[in-house]
Amino acid sequence: MKIILASGSPRRRDLMELAKIDYECMVSSFDEKVDTDLSYEEQSQEIAYGKAKDIFENTQGDRTIIGADTLVIVEEKQFGKPQNREEAIQMLRMLQGRAHFIYTSIAILIEEQGKYKEYKELHKVKVFIREMTEEEIEAYVDTERPFYCAGAYAIQSQFAVFVDKIEGDYPTALGFPINRVYSILKENNLL
């Protein structure tokens, strides 16, 4: 059984490797623009499912496709990936000194011997960020260049020094609940 991660995220690949899951990577061409009338939770689930479905429809045979999506939400506002330095700095200014939520959705589509099964789940954590000086914010952005990260930070990077606490599991805060992915694969005798 082929296991395919429908993501180009280095963090997701690292977590798959840490879990000793034999997989290949295919980056989805799914357009991540979804209906903004949906809740943030629903948007995240739709994007994860859309990524997985895109790869599923472009592959054949027995296979398991894993899609994921991460949204950072602060005060009912969604933070995606910053487009430039100024946007990253602005996001961090808004995140520092307060709590925000990370929604990470997974979609796992399995076809084995003509039988189809799918999982669509949302995982949520609350992250508390310490106060940061303007110099710390700018130094982080200039050093890490976090333009590939929702919310303009990677929790496992040097940004960890600004994280006061996390309510929920750490893999979800990383953008990939590998603990749950592993459980689903194990339940289906795919490991």
C-alpha atoms as a PDB file:
ATOM      1  CA  MET A   1       0.000   0.000   0.000  1.00  0.00           C
ATOM      2  CA  LYS A   2       1.370   3.342  -1.089  1.00  0.00           C
ATOM      3  CA  ILE A   3       1.128   6.162   1.502  1.00  0.00           C
ATOM      4  CA  ILE A   4       1.281   9.636  -0.026  1.00  0.00           C
ATOM      5  CA  LEU A   5       1.628  12.885   1.906  1.00  0.00           C
ATOM      6  CA  ALA A   6      -0.157  15.592  -0.103  1.00  0.00           C
ATOM      7  CA  SER A   7       2.047  18.365   1.226  1.00  0.00           C
ATOM      8  CA  GLY A   8       5.327  20.113   0.588  1.00  0.00           C
ATOM      9  CA  SER A   9       5.693  21.121   4.249  1.00  0.00           C
ATOM     10  CA  PRO A  10       9.127  20.280   5.647  1.00  0.00           C
ATOM     11  CA  ARG A  11       7.607  19.983   9.149  1.00  0.00           C
ATOM     12  CA  ARG A  12       5.047  17.424   8.028  1.00  0.00           C
ATOM     13  CA  ARG A  13       7.721  15.424   6.215  1.00  0.00           C
ATOM     14  CA  ASP A  14       9.932  15.505   9.326  1.00  0.00           C
ATOM     15  CA  LEU A  15       7.080  14.224  11.501  1.00  0.00           C
ATOM     16  CA  MET A  16       6.299  11.395   9.060  1.00  0.00           C
ATOM     17  CA  GLU A  17       9.960  10.391   9.160  1.00  0.00           C
ATOM     18  CA  LEU A  18      10.126  10.592  12.956  1.00  0.00           C
ATOM     19  CA  ALA A  19       7.132   8.233  13.098  1.00  0.00           C
ATOM     20  CA  LYS A  20       9.021   5.834  10.774  1.00  0.00           C
ATOM     21  CA  ILE A  21       6.203   5.897   8.213  1.00  0.00           C
ATOM     22  CA  ASP A  22       7.238   4.816   4.724  1.00  0.00           C
ATOM     23  CA  TYR A  23       5.679   7.405   2.414  1.00  0.00           C
ATOM     24  CA  GLU A  24       6.169   9.492  -0.665  1.00  0.00           C
ATOM     25  CA  CYS A  25       5.412  13.165  -1.093  1.00  0.00           C
ATOM     26  CA  MET A  26       3.261  14.767  -3.793  1.00  0.00           C
ATOM     27  CA  VAL A  27       2.405  18.447  -3.590  1.00  0.00           C
ATOM     28  CA  SER A  28      -1.235  19.153  -4.307  1.00  0.00           C
ATOM     29  CA  SER A  29      -2.258  21.789  -6.840  1.00  0.00           C
ATOM     30  CA  PHE A  30      -5.557  22.357  -4.991  1.00  0.00           C
ATOM     31  CA  ASP A  31      -6.604  26.027  -4.963  1.00  0.00           C
ATOM     32  CA  GLU A  32      -6.819  26.867  -1.262  1.00  0.00           C
ATOM     33  CA  LYS A  33      -9.433  29.581  -1.752  1.00  0.00           C
ATOM     34  CA  VAL A  34     -12.608  28.281  -0.114  1.00  0.00           C
ATOM     35  CA  ASP A  35     -16.027  29.699   0.727  1.00  0.00           C
ATOM     36  CA  THR A  36     -15.443  32.480   3.264  1.00  0.00           C
ATOM     37  CA  ASP A  37     -18.996  31.988   4.572  1.00  0.00           C
ATOM     38  CA  LEU A  38     -17.715  28.781   6.170  1.00  0.00           C
ATOM     39  CA  SER A  39     -16.364  28.893   9.716  1.00  0.00           C
ATOM     40  CA  TYR A  40     -12.576  28.795  10.097  1.00  0.00           C
ATOM     41  CA  GLU A  41     -12.895  25.203  11.296  1.00  0.00           C
ATOM     42  CA  GLU A  42     -14.844  24.270   8.158  1.00  0.00           C
ATOM     43  CA  GLN A  43     -12.413  26.161   5.910  1.00  0.00           C
ATOM     44  CA  SER A  44      -9.454  24.273   7.368  1.00  0.00           C
ATOM     45  CA  GLN A  45     -11.209  20.932   6.892  1.00  0.00           C
ATOM     46  CA  GLU A  46     -12.185  21.785   3.310  1.00  0.00           C
ATOM     47  CA  ILE A  47      -8.615  22.708   2.405  1.00  0.00           C
ATOM     48  CA  ALA A  48      -7.118  19.546   3.950  1.00  0.00           C
ATOM     49  CA  TYR A  49      -9.729  17.438   2.160  1.00  0.00           C
ATOM     50  CA  GLY A  50      -9.243  19.305  -1.127  1.00  0.00           C
ATOM     51  CA  LYS A  51      -5.480  18.699  -1.048  1.00  0.00           C
ATOM     52  CA  ALA A  52      -5.946  14.981  -0.349  1.00  0.00           C
ATOM     53  CA  LYS A  53      -8.716  14.593  -2.941  1.00  0.00           C
ATOM     54  CA  ASP A  54      -6.604  16.318  -5.615  1.00  0.00           C
ATOM     55  CA  ILE A  55      -3.795  13.790  -5.188  1.00  0.00           C
ATOM     56  CA  PHE A  56      -6.251  10.893  -4.809  1.00  0.00           C
ATOM     57  CA  GLU A  57      -7.893  11.729  -8.138  1.00  0.00           C
ATOM     58  CA  ASN A  58      -4.506  11.880  -9.849  1.00  0.00           C
ATOM     59  CA  THR A  59      -3.274   8.500  -8.604  1.00  0.00           C
ATOM     60  CA  GLN A  60      -4.488   4.941  -8.979  1.00  0.00           C
ATOM     61  CA  GLY A  61      -4.441   1.588  -7.225  1.00  0.00           C
ATOM     62  CA  ASP A  62      -4.287   0.807  -3.532  1.00  0.00           C
ATOM     63  CA  ARG A  63      -3.210   4.021  -1.830  1.00  0.00           C
ATOM     64  CA  THR A  64      -3.575   6.212   1.215  1.00  0.00           C
ATOM     65  CA  ILE A  65      -3.474   9.973   0.748  1.00  0.00           C
ATOM     66  CA  ILE A  66      -2.875  12.316   3.688  1.00  0.00           C
ATOM     67  CA  GLY A  67      -3.820  15.984   3.357  1.00  0.00           C
ATOM     68  CA  ALA A  68      -3.429  18.636   6.039  1.00  0.00           C
ATOM     69  CA  ASP A  69      -4.055  22.319   6.579  1.00  0.00           C
ATOM     70  CA  THR A  70      -3.178  24.744   9.345  1.00  0.00           C
ATOM     71  CA  LEU A  71      -4.836  28.045  10.220  1.00  0.00           C
ATOM     72  CA  VAL A  72      -3.749  30.529  12.888  1.00  0.00           C
ATOM     73  CA  ILE A  73      -6.647  32.462  14.411  1.00  0.00           C
ATOM     74  CA  VAL A  74      -6.308  35.488  16.692  1.00  0.00           C
ATOM     75  CA  GLU A  75      -9.341  37.494  17.802  1.00  0.00           C
ATOM     76  CA  GLU A  76     -11.512  35.992  15.043  1.00  0.00           C
ATOM     77  CA  LYS A  77      -8.969  36.938  12.382  1.00  0.00           C
ATOM     78  CA  GLN A  78      -7.209  34.331  10.245  1.00  0.00           C
ATOM     79  CA  PHE A  79      -3.467  34.602   9.706  1.00  0.00           C
ATOM     80  CA  GLY A  80      -2.140  32.787   6.685  1.00  0.00           C
ATOM     81  CA  LYS A  81       1.419  32.760   5.383  1.00  0.00           C
ATOM     82  CA  PRO A  82       2.897  36.266   5.269  1.00  0.00           C
ATOM     83  CA  GLN A  83       3.701  37.564   1.807  1.00  0.00           C
ATOM     84  CA  ASN A  84       6.629  39.739   2.882  1.00  0.00           C
ATOM     85  CA  ARG A  85       8.720  41.019   5.800  1.00  0.00           C
ATOM     86  CA  GLU A  86       6.304  43.791   6.781  1.00  0.00           C
ATOM     87  CA  GLU A  87       3.323  41.442   6.850  1.00  0.00           C
ATOM     88  CA  ALA A  88       5.263  38.951   8.992  1.00  0.00           C
ATOM     89  CA  ILE A  89       6.235  41.688  11.455  1.00  0.00           C
ATOM     90  CA  GLN A  90       2.643  42.920  11.630  1.00  0.00           C
ATOM     91  CA  MET A  91       1.347  39.410  12.355  1.00  0.00           C
ATOM     92  CA  LEU A  92       3.852  38.895  15.165  1.00  0.00           C
ATOM     93  CA  ARG A  93       2.982  42.270  16.670  1.00  0.00           C
ATOM     94  CA  MET A  94      -0.638  41.125  16.859  1.00  0.00           C
ATOM     95  CA  LEU A  95       0.213  37.662  18.243  1.00  0.00           C
ATOM     96  CA  GLN A  96       2.673  38.729  20.926  1.00  0.00           C
ATOM     97  CA  GLY A  97       1.418  39.093  24.489  1.00  0.00           C
ATOM     98  CA  ARG A  98      -1.772  37.098  23.897  1.00  0.00           C
ATOM     99  CA  ALA A  99      -3.273  33.730  23.131  1.00  0.00           C
ATOM    100  CA  HIS A 100      -4.351  32.460  19.743  1.00  0.00           C
ATOM    101  CA  PHE A 101      -5.638  29.230  18.244  1.00  0.00           C
ATOM    102  CA  ILE A 102      -4.086  26.876  15.746  1.00  0.00           C
ATOM    103  CA  TYR A 103      -6.539  24.738  13.774  1.00  0.00           C
ATOM    104  CA  THR A 104      -4.941  21.810  12.011  1.00  0.00           C
ATOM    105  CA  SER A 105      -7.137  19.604   9.882  1.00  0.00           C
ATOM    106  CA  ILE A 106      -6.264  16.249   8.417  1.00  0.00           C
ATOM    107  CA  ALA A 107      -7.961  14.304   5.651  1.00  0.00           C
ATOM    108  CA  ILE A 108      -6.954  10.714   5.044  1.00  0.00           C
ATOM    109  CA  LEU A 109      -8.361   8.927   1.989  1.00  0.00           C
ATOM    110  CA  ILE A 110      -7.801   5.184   1.711  1.00  0.00           C
ATOM    111  CA  GLU A 111      -8.550   2.905  -1.220  1.00  0.00           C
ATOM    112  CA  GLU A 112      -7.669  -0.757  -0.798  1.00  0.00           C
ATOM    113  CA  GLN A 113      -8.882  -3.525  -3.080  1.00  0.00           C
ATOM    114  CA  GLY A 114     -11.676  -1.311  -4.408  1.00  0.00           C
ATOM    115  CA  LYS A 115     -12.940  -0.306  -0.940  1.00  0.00           C
ATOM    116  CA  TYR A 116     -12.869   3.378  -0.018  1.00  0.00           C
ATOM    117  CA  LYS A 117     -12.668   4.966   3.405  1.00  0.00           C
ATOM    118  CA  GLU A 118     -12.033   8.550   4.471  1.00  0.00           C
ATOM    119  CA  TYR A 119     -11.257  10.461   7.643  1.00  0.00           C
ATOM    120  CA  LYS A 120     -11.772  14.216   8.032  1.00  0.00           C
ATOM    121  CA  GLU A 121     -10.777  15.699  11.380  1.00  0.00           C
ATOM    122  CA  LEU A 122     -10.052  19.060  12.972  1.00  0.00           C
ATOM    123  CA  HIS A 123      -7.538  19.376  15.805  1.00  0.00           C
ATOM    124  CA  LYS A 124      -7.251  22.568  17.803  1.00  0.00           C
ATOM    125  CA  VAL A 125      -4.683  23.995  20.226  1.00  0.00           C
ATOM    126  CA  LYS A 126      -4.373  27.265  22.087  1.00  0.00           C
ATOM    127  CA  VAL A 127      -0.951  28.916  22.121  1.00  0.00           C
ATOM    128  CA  PHE A 128       0.097  31.679  24.520  1.00  0.00           C
ATOM    129  CA  ILE A 129       2.842  34.019  23.267  1.00  0.00           C
ATOM    130  CA  ARG A 130       4.932  36.149  25.600  1.00  0.00           C
ATOM    131  CA  GLU A 131       5.439  39.876  25.137  1.00  0.00           C
ATOM    132  CA  MET A 132       8.072  40.576  22.495  1.00  0.00           C
ATOM    133  CA  THR A 133      10.046  43.726  21.837  1.00  0.00           C
ATOM    134  CA  GLU A 134      10.059  45.277  18.401  1.00  0.00           C
ATOM    135  CA  GLU A 135      13.744  44.304  18.125  1.00  0.00           C
ATOM    136  CA  GLU A 136      12.938  40.647  18.942  1.00  0.00           C
ATOM    137  CA  ILE A 137      10.160  40.555  16.356  1.00  0.00           C
ATOM    138  CA  GLU A 138      12.327  42.041  13.616  1.00  0.00           C
ATOM    139  CA  ALA A 139      15.331  39.854  14.494  1.00  0.00           C
ATOM    140  CA  TYR A 140      13.162  36.722  14.368  1.00  0.00           C
ATOM    141  CA  VAL A 141      11.670  37.629  10.983  1.00  0.00           C
ATOM    142  CA  ASP A 142      15.069  38.580   9.544  1.00  0.00           C
ATOM    143  CA  THR A 143      16.750  35.401  10.832  1.00  0.00           C
ATOM    144  CA  GLU A 144      14.049  32.776  10.235  1.00  0.00           C
ATOM    145  CA  ARG A 145      12.261  34.377   7.275  1.00  0.00           C
ATOM    146  CA  PRO A 146       9.006  32.603   8.268  1.00  0.00           C
ATOM    147  CA  PHE A 147       7.151  33.212   5.010  1.00  0.00           C
ATOM    148  CA  TYR A 148       6.188  29.529   4.720  1.00  0.00           C
ATOM    149  CA  CYS A 149       4.389  29.506   8.088  1.00  0.00           C
ATOM    150  CA  ALA A 150       0.811  30.413   8.933  1.00  0.00           C
ATOM    151  CA  GLY A 151       0.996  33.173  11.523  1.00  0.00           C
ATOM    152  CA  ALA A 152       4.595  34.052  10.571  1.00  0.00           C
ATOM    153  CA  TYR A 153       6.270  31.673  13.011  1.00  0.00           C
ATOM    154  CA  ALA A 154       7.434  28.096  13.361  1.00  0.00           C
ATOM    155  CA  ILE A 155       6.892  26.924  16.932  1.00  0.00           C
ATOM    156  CA  GLN A 156       9.803  24.458  16.720  1.00  0.00           C
ATOM    157  CA  SER A 157      12.277  27.163  15.648  1.00  0.00           C
ATOM    158  CA  GLN A 158      13.994  29.808  17.755  1.00  0.00           C
ATOM    159  CA  PHE A 159      10.465  31.222  18.177  1.00  0.00           C
ATOM    160  CA  ALA A 160       9.975  28.611  20.935  1.00  0.00           C
ATOM    161  CA  VAL A 161      11.531  31.051  23.437  1.00  0.00           C
ATOM    162  CA  PHE A 162       8.451  33.267  23.020  1.00  0.00           C
ATOM    163  CA  VAL A 163       5.904  30.492  23.633  1.00  0.00           C
ATOM    164  CA  ASP A 164       4.597  30.681  27.190  1.00  0.00           C
ATOM    165  CA  LYS A 165       2.416  27.563  27.008  1.00  0.00           C
ATOM    166  CA  ILE A 166       0.315  25.356  24.762  1.00  0.00           C
ATOM    167  CA  GLU A 167      -3.115  23.974  25.622  1.00  0.00           C
ATOM    168  CA  GLY A 168      -3.416  20.861  23.472  1.00  0.00           C
ATOM    169  CA  ASP A 169      -0.933  18.577  21.791  1.00  0.00           C
ATOM    170  CA  TYR A 170       2.374  19.746  20.414  1.00  0.00           C
ATOM    171  CA  PRO A 171       2.149  17.990  16.995  1.00  0.00           C
ATOM    172  CA  THR A 172      -1.049  19.911  16.237  1.00  0.00           C
ATOM    173  CA  ALA A 173       0.767  23.148  17.105  1.00  0.00           C
ATOM    174  CA  LEU A 174       3.449  22.082  14.598  1.00  0.00           C
ATOM    175  CA  GLY A 175       0.725  21.802  11.945  1.00  0.00           C
ATOM    176  CA  PHE A 176       0.404  18.027  11.752  1.00  0.00           C
ATOM    177  CA  PRO A 177      -1.158  15.793  14.446  1.00  0.00           C
ATOM    178  CA  ILE A 178       1.143  12.877  13.671  1.00  0.00           C
ATOM    179  CA  ASN A 179      -0.137  11.037  16.750  1.00  0.00           C
ATOM    180  CA  ARG A 180      -3.601  10.829  15.176  1.00  0.00           C
ATOM    181  CA  VAL A 181      -2.286  10.121  11.667  1.00  0.00           C
ATOM    182  CA  TYR A 182      -0.249   7.229  13.081  1.00  0.00           C
ATOM    183  CA  SER A 183      -3.312   5.867  14.920  1.00  0.00           C
ATOM    184  CA  ILE A 184      -5.471   5.940  11.770  1.00  0.00           C
ATOM    185  CA  LEU A 185      -2.801   4.200   9.720  1.00  0.00           C
ATOM    186  CA  LYS A 186      -2.371   1.585  12.439  1.00  0.00           C
ATOM    187  CA  GLU A 187      -6.151   1.023  12.756  1.00  0.00           C
ATOM    188  CA  ASN A 188      -6.225   0.268   9.031  1.00  0.00           C
ATOM    189  CA  ASN A 189      -3.210  -2.097   9.169  1.00  0.00           C
ATOM    190  CA  LEU A 190      -1.153   0.253   7.003  1.00  0.00           C
ATOM    191  CA  LEU A 191       1.968   0.236   9.199  1.00  0.00           C
END
